[in-house]
PDB file of N, CA and C in Angstrom:
ATOM      1  N   UNK A   1       4.959  34.307 -25.661  1.00  0.00           N
ATOM      2  CA  UNK A   1       5.667  34.337 -26.599  1.00  0.00           C
ATOM      3  C   UNK A   1       6.706  33.119 -26.136  1.00  0.00           C
ATOM      4  N   UNK A   2       7.138  32.125 -27.233  1.00  0.00           N
ATOM      5  CA  UNK A   2       8.154  31.126 -26.951  1.00  0.00           C
ATOM      6  C   UNK A   2       9.297  31.807 -27.326  1.00  0.00           C
ATOM      7  N   UNK A   3      10.478  31.278 -26.754  1.00  0.00           N
ATOM      8  CA  UNK A   3      11.605  31.656 -27.033  1.00  0.00           C
ATOM      9  C   UNK A   3      12.057  30.932 -28.648  1.00  0.00           C
ATOM     10  N   UNK A   4      11.510  30.387 -29.727  1.00  0.00           N
ATOM     11  CA  UNK A   4      11.378  30.282 -30.879  1.00  0.00           C
ATOM     12  C   UNK A   4      11.140  31.376 -31.601  1.00  0.00           C
ATOM     13  N   UNK A   5       9.754  31.886 -31.228  1.00  0.00           N
ATOM     14  CA  UNK A   5       9.107  33.024 -31.940  1.00  0.00           C
ATOM     15  C   UNK A   5       9.822  34.401 -31.667  1.00  0.00           C
ATOM     16  N   UNK A   6      10.457  34.407 -30.126  1.00  0.00           N
ATOM     17  CA  UNK A   6      10.825  35.242 -30.083  1.00  0.00           C
ATOM     18  C   UNK A   6      12.248  35.890 -30.870  1.00  0.00           C
ATOM     19  N   UNK A   7      12.898  34.727 -30.787  1.00  0.00           N
ATOM     20  CA  UNK A   7      14.253  34.756 -31.605  1.00  0.00           C
ATOM     21  C   UNK A   7      14.024  35.083 -32.918  1.00  0.00           C
ATOM     22  N   UNK A   8      13.177  34.559 -33.623  1.00  0.00           N
ATOM     23  CA  UNK A   8      12.445  34.677 -35.080  1.00  0.00           C
ATOM     24  C   UNK A   8      12.239  36.222 -35.251  1.00  0.00           C
ATOM     25  N   UNK A   9      11.359  36.613 -34.182  1.00  0.00           N
ATOM     26  CA  UNK A   9      10.693  38.064 -34.631  1.00  0.00           C
ATOM     27  C   UNK A   9      12.230  39.001 -34.319  1.00  0.00           C
ATOM     28  N   UNK A  10      13.053  38.659 -33.892  1.00  0.00           N
ATOM     29  CA  UNK A  10      14.571  39.704 -33.229  1.00  0.00           C
ATOM     30  C   UNK A  10      14.991  39.379 -34.279  1.00  0.00           C
ATOM     31  N   UNK A  11      15.079  38.571 -34.910  1.00  0.00           N
ATOM     32  CA  UNK A  11      15.952  37.995 -36.109  1.00  0.00           C
ATOM     33  C   UNK A  11      15.443  39.196 -37.376  1.00  0.00           C
ATOM     34  N   UNK A  12      14.257  39.355 -37.290  1.00  0.00           N
ATOM     35  CA  UNK A  12      13.584  40.032 -38.393  1.00  0.00           C
ATOM     36  C   UNK A  12      14.052  41.546 -38.148  1.00  0.00           C
ATOM     37  N   UNK A  13      13.493  41.623 -36.909  1.00  0.00           N
ATOM     38  CA  UNK A  13      13.884  43.226 -36.601  1.00  0.00           C
ATOM     39  C   UNK A  13      15.223  43.965 -36.597  1.00  0.00           C
ATOM     40  N   UNK A  14      16.148  42.694 -36.262  1.00  0.00           N
ATOM     41  CA  UNK A  14      17.504  43.251 -36.022  1.00  0.00           C
ATOM     42  C   UNK A  14      18.254  42.965 -37.147  1.00  0.00           C
ATOM     43  N   UNK A  15      17.482  42.149 -38.150  1.00  0.00           N
ATOM     44  CA  UNK A  15      18.397  41.858 -39.766  1.00  0.00           C
ATOM     45  C   UNK A  15      19.459  41.083 -39.025  1.00  0.00           C
ATOM     46  N   UNK A  16      19.405  40.490 -38.253  1.00  0.00           N
ATOM     47  CA  UNK A  16      20.444  39.322 -37.778  1.00  0.00           C
ATOM     48  C   UNK A  16      20.066  37.831 -38.170  1.00  0.00           C
ATOM     49  N   UNK A  17      20.771  37.485 -38.681  1.00  0.00           N
ATOM     50  CA  UNK A  17      20.342  35.859 -38.983  1.00  0.00           C
ATOM     51  C   UNK A  17      20.227  35.077 -37.860  1.00  0.00           C
ATOM     52  N   UNK A  18      19.332  34.007 -37.073  1.00  0.00           N
ATOM     53  CA  UNK A  18      19.004  33.748 -35.618  1.00  0.00           C
ATOM     54  C   UNK A  18      20.207  33.202 -35.298  1.00  0.00           C
ATOM     55  N   UNK A  19      20.954  32.323 -35.850  1.00  0.00           N
ATOM     56  CA  UNK A  19      22.211  31.770 -35.344  1.00  0.00           C
ATOM     57  C   UNK A  19      23.359  33.003 -34.807  1.00  0.00           C
ATOM     58  N   UNK A  20      23.390  34.219 -35.668  1.00  0.00           N
ATOM     59  CA  UNK A  20      24.369  35.203 -35.015  1.00  0.00           C
ATOM     60  C   UNK A  20      23.611  36.007 -33.700  1.00  0.00           C
ATOM     61  N   UNK A  21      22.473  36.219 -33.734  1.00  0.00           N
ATOM     62  CA  UNK A  21      21.533  36.771 -32.919  1.00  0.00           C
ATOM     63  C   UNK A  21      21.519  35.827 -31.768  1.00  0.00           C
ATOM     64  N   UNK A  22      21.572  34.782 -31.070  1.00  0.00           N
ATOM     65  CA  UNK A  22      21.828  34.025 -30.168  1.00  0.00           C
ATOM     66  C   UNK A  22      23.186  33.838 -29.850  1.00  0.00           C
ATOM     67  N   UNK A  23      24.104  33.777 -30.693  1.00  0.00           N
ATOM     68  CA  UNK A  23      25.234  34.034 -30.428  1.00  0.00           C
ATOM     69  C   UNK A  23      25.956  35.492 -29.485  1.00  0.00           C
ATOM     70  N   UNK A  24      25.123  36.064 -30.175  1.00  0.00           N
ATOM     71  CA  UNK A  24      25.586  37.628 -29.828  1.00  0.00           C
ATOM     72  C   UNK A  24      24.765  37.881 -28.162  1.00  0.00           C
ATOM     73  N   UNK A  25      23.742  37.341 -28.326  1.00  0.00           N
ATOM     74  CA  UNK A  25      23.084  37.174 -27.018  1.00  0.00           C
ATOM     75  C   UNK A  25      24.147  36.310 -26.125  1.00  0.00           C
ATOM     76  N   UNK A  26      24.023  35.285 -26.254  1.00  0.00           N
ATOM     77  CA  UNK A  26      25.005  34.103 -25.358  1.00  0.00           C
ATOM     78  C   UNK A  26      25.974  35.254 -24.788  1.00  0.00           C
ATOM     79  N   UNK A  27      27.137  35.932 -25.669  1.00  0.00           N
ATOM     80  CA  UNK A  27      28.247  36.599 -25.450  1.00  0.00           C
ATOM     81  C   UNK A  27      27.897  38.057 -24.341  1.00  0.00           C
ATOM     82  N   UNK A  28      26.909  38.388 -24.412  1.00  0.00           N
ATOM     83  CA  UNK A  28      26.205  39.828 -24.300  1.00  0.00           C
ATOM     84  C   UNK A  28      25.835  39.281 -22.528  1.00  0.00           C
ATOM     85  N   UNK A  29      25.389  37.684 -22.588  1.00  0.00           N
ATOM     86  CA  UNK A  29      24.938  37.468 -20.800  1.00  0.00           C
ATOM     87  C   UNK A  29      26.045  37.396 -20.319  1.00  0.00           C
ATOM     88  N   UNK A  30      27.153  36.456 -20.947  1.00  0.00           N
ATOM     89  CA  UNK A  30      28.377  36.409 -20.517  1.00  0.00           C
ATOM     90  C   UNK A  30      29.024  37.594 -20.100  1.00  0.00           C
ATOM     91  N   UNK A  31      29.093  38.685 -20.555  1.00  0.00           N
ATOM     92  CA  UNK A  31      29.928  39.680 -20.587  1.00  0.00           C
ATOM     93  C   UNK A  31      28.959  40.229 -18.964  1.00  0.00           C
ATOM     94  N   UNK A  32      27.859  40.501 -19.254  1.00  0.00           N
ATOM     95  CA  UNK A  32      27.254  40.839 -18.067  1.00  0.00           C
ATOM     96  C   UNK A  32      27.589  40.351 -16.750  1.00  0.00           C
ATOM     97  N   UNK A  33      27.563  38.820 -17.122  1.00  0.00           N
ATOM     98  CA  UNK A  33      27.882  38.106 -15.374  1.00  0.00           C
ATOM     99  C   UNK A  33      29.653  38.149 -14.938  1.00  0.00           C
ATOM    100  N   UNK A  34      30.089  38.585 -16.082  1.00  0.00           N
ATOM    101  CA  UNK A  34      31.541  38.904 -15.712  1.00  0.00           C
ATOM    102  C   UNK A  34      31.584  40.106 -14.748  1.00  0.00           C
ATOM    103  N   UNK A  35      31.002  41.141 -15.687  1.00  0.00           N
ATOM    104  CA  UNK A  35      30.990  42.466 -14.801  1.00  0.00           C
ATOM    105  C   UNK A  35      30.285  42.368 -13.963  1.00  0.00           C
ATOM    106  N   UNK A  36      29.117  41.791 -13.229  1.00  0.00           N
ATOM    107  CA  UNK A  36      28.516  41.287 -11.867  1.00  0.00           C
ATOM    108  C   UNK A  36      29.472  41.184 -11.052  1.00  0.00           C
ATOM    109  N   UNK A  37      30.577  39.617 -11.430  1.00  0.00           N
ATOM    110  CA  UNK A  37      31.365  39.200 -10.457  1.00  0.00           C
ATOM    111  C   UNK A  37      32.373  40.092 -10.059  1.00  0.00           C
ATOM    112  N   UNK A  38      32.891  41.186 -11.120  1.00  0.00           N
ATOM    113  CA  UNK A  38      34.039  42.035 -10.979  1.00  0.00           C
ATOM    114  C   UNK A  38      33.562  42.869  -9.972  1.00  0.00           C
ATOM    115  N   UNK A  39      32.351  43.373 -10.284  1.00  0.00           N
ATOM    116  CA  UNK A  39      31.651  44.240  -9.260  1.00  0.00           C
ATOM    117  C   UNK A  39      31.412  43.613  -7.611  1.00  0.00           C
ATOM    118  N   UNK A  40      31.349  42.718  -7.613  1.00  0.00           N
ATOM    119  CA  UNK A  40      30.995  42.098  -6.121  1.00  0.00           C
ATOM    120  C   UNK A  40      32.728  41.704  -5.716  1.00  0.00           C
ATOM    121  N   UNK A  41      33.667  41.535  -6.435  1.00  0.00           N
ATOM    122  CA  UNK A  41      34.993  41.505  -6.304  1.00  0.00           C
ATOM    123  C   UNK A  41      35.283  42.922  -5.792  1.00  0.00           C
ATOM    124  N   UNK A  42      34.909  44.042  -6.615  1.00  0.00           N
ATOM    125  CA  UNK A  42      35.843  45.305  -5.896  1.00  0.00           C
ATOM    126  C   UNK A  42      34.889  45.854  -4.855  1.00  0.00           C
ATOM    127  N   UNK A  43      33.904  45.227  -4.383  1.00  0.00           N
ATOM    128  CA  UNK A  43      33.185  45.588  -3.444  1.00  0.00           C
ATOM    129  C   UNK A  43      34.525  45.020  -1.829  1.00  0.00           C
ATOM    130  N   UNK A  44      34.707  43.774  -2.402  1.00  0.00           N
ATOM    131  CA  UNK A  44      35.731  43.344  -1.320  1.00  0.00           C
ATOM    132  C   UNK A  44      36.984  44.037  -1.255  1.00  0.00           C
ATOM    133  N   UNK A  45      37.819  44.403  -2.532  1.00  0.00           N
ATOM    134  CA  UNK A  45      38.701  44.978  -1.956  1.00  0.00           C
ATOM    135  C   UNK A  45      38.239  46.583  -1.505  1.00  0.00           C
ATOM    136  N   UNK A  46      37.340  47.001  -1.617  1.00  0.00           N
ATOM    137  CA  UNK A  46      37.438  47.884  -0.700  1.00  0.00           C
ATOM    138  C   UNK A  46      37.039  47.783   0.758  1.00  0.00           C
ATOM    139  N   UNK A  47      35.881  46.689   0.850  1.00  0.00           N
ATOM    140  CA  UNK A  47      35.916  46.405   2.006  1.00  0.00           C
ATOM    141  C   UNK A  47      37.300  46.361   3.222  1.00  0.00           C
ATOM    142  N   UNK A  48      38.398  45.426   2.527  1.00  0.00           N
ATOM    143  CA  UNK A  48      39.460  45.099   3.209  1.00  0.00           C
ATOM    144  C   UNK A  48      40.370  46.250   2.769  1.00  0.00           C
ATOM    145  N   UNK A  49      40.273  46.856   2.033  1.00  0.00           N
ATOM    146  CA  UNK A  49      41.518  47.538   1.338  1.00  0.00           C
ATOM    147  C   UNK A  49      42.720  46.973   1.389  1.00  0.00           C
ATOM    148  N   UNK A  50      42.550  45.838   0.175  1.00  0.00           N
ATOM    149  CA  UNK A  50      43.343  45.161  -0.022  1.00  0.00           C
ATOM    150  C   UNK A  50      43.281  44.296  -1.819  1.00  0.00           C
ATOM    151  N   UNK A  51      44.512  44.076  -2.704  1.00  0.00           N
ATOM    152  CA  UNK A  51      43.908  44.239  -3.998  1.00  0.00           C
ATOM    153  C   UNK A  51      43.621  42.850  -4.731  1.00  0.00           C
ATOM    154  N   UNK A  52      44.063  41.364  -3.643  1.00  0.00           N
ATOM    155  CA  UNK A  52      44.171  40.516  -4.090  1.00  0.00           C
ATOM    156  C   UNK A  52      43.207  39.296  -2.931  1.00  0.00           C
ATOM    157  N   UNK A  53      42.899  38.482  -3.233  1.00  0.00           N
ATOM    158  CA  UNK A  53      42.616  37.075  -2.252  1.00  0.00           C
ATOM    159  C   UNK A  53      43.636  37.013  -1.490  1.00  0.00           C
ATOM    160  N   UNK A  54      44.955  36.899  -2.021  1.00  0.00           N
ATOM    161  CA  UNK A  54      46.069  36.749  -1.333  1.00  0.00           C
ATOM    162  C   UNK A  54      46.347  37.765  -0.084  1.00  0.00           C
ATOM    163  N   UNK A  55      46.191  38.922  -0.551  1.00  0.00           N
ATOM    164  CA  UNK A  55      46.420  39.697   0.204  1.00  0.00           C
ATOM    165  C   UNK A  55      45.343  39.749   1.884  1.00  0.00           C
ATOM    166  N   UNK A  56      44.150  39.368   1.126  1.00  0.00           N
ATOM    167  CA  UNK A  56      43.072  39.530   2.534  1.00  0.00           C
ATOM    168  C   UNK A  56      43.670  37.901   3.482  1.00  0.00           C
ATOM    169  N   UNK A  57      44.195  37.223   2.399  1.00  0.00           N
ATOM    170  CA  UNK A  57      44.493  36.175   3.357  1.00  0.00           C
ATOM    171  C   UNK A  57      45.640  36.220   4.151  1.00  0.00           C
ATOM    172  N   UNK A  58      46.868  37.184   3.963  1.00  0.00           N
ATOM    173  CA  UNK A  58      47.555  37.579   4.524  1.00  0.00           C
ATOM    174  C   UNK A  58      47.036  38.342   5.647  1.00  0.00           C
ATOM    175  N   UNK A  59      45.903  39.314   5.014  1.00  0.00           N
ATOM    176  CA  UNK A  59      45.728  39.963   6.395  1.00  0.00           C
ATOM    177  C   UNK A  59      44.945  39.395   7.722  1.00  0.00           C
ATOM    178  N   UNK A  60      44.223  38.228   6.894  1.00  0.00           N
ATOM    179  CA  UNK A  60      43.546  37.628   8.037  1.00  0.00           C
ATOM    180  C   UNK A  60      44.852  36.562   8.956  1.00  0.00           C
ATOM    181  N   UNK A  61      45.615  36.203   8.127  1.00  0.00           N
ATOM    182  CA  UNK A  61      46.519  35.236   9.321  1.00  0.00           C
ATOM    183  C   UNK A  61      47.612  36.495   9.850  1.00  0.00           C
ATOM    184  N   UNK A  62      47.655  37.697   9.370  1.00  0.00           N
ATOM    185  CA  UNK A  62      48.370  38.748  10.672  1.00  0.00           C
ATOM    186  C   UNK A  62      47.367  39.297  11.491  1.00  0.00           C
ATOM    187  N   UNK A  63      46.032  39.094  11.436  1.00  0.00           N
ATOM    188  CA  UNK A  63      45.326  39.860  12.493  1.00  0.00           C
ATOM    189  C   UNK A  63      44.660  41.326  12.077  1.00  0.00           C
ATOM    190  N   UNK A  64      45.272  41.666  11.032  1.00  0.00           N
ATOM    191  CA  UNK A  64      45.057  42.847  10.952  1.00  0.00           C
ATOM    192  C   UNK A  64      43.281  43.320  10.481  1.00  0.00           C
ATOM    193  N   UNK A  65      42.569  41.911   9.916  1.00  0.00           N
ATOM    194  CA  UNK A  65      41.134  42.422   9.752  1.00  0.00           C
ATOM    195  C   UNK A  65      40.454  40.754  10.456  1.00  0.00           C
ATOM    196  N   UNK A  66      39.270  41.109  10.976  1.00  0.00           N
ATOM    197  CA  UNK A  66      38.752  40.325  12.042  1.00  0.00           C
ATOM    198  C   UNK A  66      38.489  39.022  10.902  1.00  0.00           C
ATOM    199  N   UNK A  67      38.516  38.359  11.695  1.00  0.00           N
ATOM    200  CA  UNK A  67      38.620  36.779  10.859  1.00  0.00           C
ATOM    201  C   UNK A  67      37.275  36.389  10.166  1.00  0.00           C
ATOM    202  N   UNK A  68      36.476  36.904  11.033  1.00  0.00           N
ATOM    203  CA  UNK A  68      35.012  36.630  10.437  1.00  0.00           C
ATOM    204  C   UNK A  68      33.878  37.676  10.209  1.00  0.00           C
ATOM    205  N   UNK A  69      33.813  38.007   8.941  1.00  0.00           N
ATOM    206  CA  UNK A  69      33.078  37.112   7.688  1.00  0.00           C
ATOM    207  C   UNK A  69      34.606  37.136   6.976  1.00  0.00           C
ATOM    208  N   UNK A  70      35.642  37.782   7.363  1.00  0.00           N
ATOM    209  CA  UNK A  70      36.875  37.523   6.192  1.00  0.00           C
ATOM    210  C   UNK A  70      36.889  36.612   5.479  1.00  0.00           C
ATOM    211  N   UNK A  71      37.144  35.332   6.479  1.00  0.00           N
ATOM    212  CA  UNK A  71      37.414  33.881   5.739  1.00  0.00           C
ATOM    213  C   UNK A  71      35.937  33.675   4.836  1.00  0.00           C
ATOM    214  N   UNK A  72      34.756  34.059   4.832  1.00  0.00           N
ATOM    215  CA  UNK A  72      33.922  33.912   3.975  1.00  0.00           C
ATOM    216  C   UNK A  72      34.004  34.339   2.972  1.00  0.00           C
ATOM    217  N   UNK A  73      34.320  35.832   3.361  1.00  0.00           N
ATOM    218  CA  UNK A  73      34.729  36.915   1.827  1.00  0.00           C
ATOM    219  C   UNK A  73      36.223  36.266   0.974  1.00  0.00           C
ATOM    220  N   UNK A  74      36.654  35.802   1.624  1.00  0.00           N
ATOM    221  CA  UNK A  74      38.074  35.139   1.051  1.00  0.00           C
ATOM    222  C   UNK A  74      37.155  33.851   0.010  1.00  0.00           C
ATOM    223  N   UNK A  75      36.852  33.299   0.520  1.00  0.00           N
ATOM    224  CA  UNK A  75      36.141  32.114  -0.292  1.00  0.00           C
ATOM    225  C   UNK A  75      35.319  32.448  -1.047  1.00  0.00           C
ATOM    226  N   UNK A  76      34.547  33.164  -1.150  1.00  0.00           N
ATOM    227  CA  UNK A  76      33.934  34.186  -2.144  1.00  0.00           C
ATOM    228  C   UNK A  76      34.246  34.955  -3.558  1.00  0.00           C
ATOM    229  N   UNK A  77      35.449  35.702  -2.749  1.00  0.00           N
ATOM    230  CA  UNK A  77      36.483  36.278  -3.972  1.00  0.00           C
ATOM    231  C   UNK A  77      37.026  35.284  -4.627  1.00  0.00           C
ATOM    232  N   UNK A  78      37.699  34.120  -4.210  1.00  0.00           N
ATOM    233  CA  UNK A  78      38.209  32.856  -4.771  1.00  0.00           C
ATOM    234  C   UNK A  78      37.257  32.268  -5.899  1.00  0.00           C
ATOM    235  N   UNK A  79      36.183  32.120  -5.233  1.00  0.00           N
ATOM    236  CA  UNK A  79      34.852  31.262  -6.054  1.00  0.00           C
ATOM    237  C   UNK A  79      34.904  32.070  -7.299  1.00  0.00           C
ATOM    238  N   UNK A  80      34.404  33.719  -6.923  1.00  0.00           N
ATOM    239  CA  UNK A  80      34.228  34.898  -8.260  1.00  0.00           C
ATOM    240  C   UNK A  80      35.587  34.734  -9.222  1.00  0.00           C
ATOM    241  N   UNK A  81      36.448  34.719  -8.588  1.00  0.00           N
ATOM    242  CA  UNK A  81      37.601  34.546  -9.571  1.00  0.00           C
ATOM    243  C   UNK A  81      37.487  33.246 -10.868  1.00  0.00           C
ATOM    244  N   UNK A  82      36.928  32.012 -10.054  1.00  0.00           N
ATOM    245  CA  UNK A  82      37.293  31.094 -10.685  1.00  0.00           C
ATOM    246  C   UNK A  82      35.814  31.106 -11.829  1.00  0.00           C
ATOM    247  N   UNK A  83      34.692  31.613 -11.332  1.00  0.00           N
ATOM    248  CA  UNK A  83      33.496  31.820 -11.734  1.00  0.00           C
ATOM    249  C   UNK A  83      33.773  32.876 -13.386  1.00  0.00           C
ATOM    250  N   UNK A  84      34.697  33.729 -13.118  1.00  0.00           N
ATOM    251  CA  UNK A  84      35.070  34.803 -13.878  1.00  0.00           C
ATOM    252  C   UNK A  84      35.916  33.987 -15.147  1.00  0.00           C
ATOM    253  N   UNK A  85      37.028  33.144 -14.891  1.00  0.00           N
ATOM    254  CA  UNK A  85      37.646  32.455 -15.563  1.00  0.00           C
ATOM    255  C   UNK A  85      36.699  31.578 -16.489  1.00  0.00           C
ATOM    256  N   UNK A  86      35.890  30.463 -15.595  1.00  0.00           N
ATOM    257  CA  UNK A  86      35.270  29.901 -16.769  1.00  0.00           C
ATOM    258  C   UNK A  86      34.261  30.787 -17.548  1.00  0.00           C
ATOM    259  N   UNK A  87      33.971  31.826 -17.198  1.00  0.00           N
ATOM    260  CA  UNK A  87      32.782  32.497 -18.028  1.00  0.00           C
ATOM    261  C   UNK A  87      33.769  32.845 -19.468  1.00  0.00           C
ATOM    262  N   UNK A  88      34.992  33.282 -19.312  1.00  0.00           N
ATOM    263  CA  UNK A  88      36.007  33.380 -20.228  1.00  0.00           C
ATOM    264  C   UNK A  88      36.719  32.330 -20.937  1.00  0.00           C
ATOM    265  N   UNK A  89      36.848  31.350 -20.775  1.00  0.00           N
ATOM    266  CA  UNK A  89      37.041  30.302 -20.864  1.00  0.00           C
ATOM    267  C   UNK A  89      35.823  29.794 -21.928  1.00  0.00           C
ATOM    268  N   UNK A  90      34.421  29.905 -21.680  1.00  0.00           N
ATOM    269  CA  UNK A  90      33.253  29.646 -22.488  1.00  0.00           C
ATOM    270  C   UNK A  90      32.930  30.738 -23.478  1.00  0.00           C
ATOM    271  N   UNK A  91      33.203  32.190 -23.284  1.00  0.00           N
ATOM    272  CA  UNK A  91      33.099  32.796 -24.595  1.00  0.00           C
ATOM    273  C   UNK A  91      34.351  32.797 -25.202  1.00  0.00           C
ATOM    274  N   UNK A  92      35.616  32.403 -25.138  1.00  0.00           N
ATOM    275  CA  UNK A  92      36.665  32.310 -25.918  1.00  0.00           C
ATOM    276  C   UNK A  92      37.725  33.711 -25.691  1.00  0.00           C
ATOM    277  N   UNK A  93      37.221  34.128 -24.246  1.00  0.00           N
ATOM    278  CA  UNK A  93      38.129  35.972 -24.253  1.00  0.00           C
ATOM    279  C   UNK A  93      38.694  35.139 -22.882  1.00  0.00           C
ATOM    280  N   UNK A  94      40.279  35.291 -23.357  1.00  0.00           N
ATOM    281  CA  UNK A  94      41.027  34.856 -22.089  1.00  0.00           C
ATOM    282  C   UNK A  94      42.226  35.851 -22.133  1.00  0.00           C
TER     283      UNK A  94
END
């Protein structure tokens, strides 16, 4: 089934105009991506027992955490926050 046919079929099944269906679907995808990124950040928080990337950076500098892989995780954390911010801007959710 093509995307166009699927959209038309779902539009009929859900009694939603196609543009509204697509809009809601995109918003749901963005929310899911944000949740996944937040879950990955939560893992990093728990792993290093810190609440922010800045606190992780400080822990690395002070030597209270092993620099490897903490530096990579610090970069991942910062990238996840940037990704979440971009997704929120795209969805209009700030």
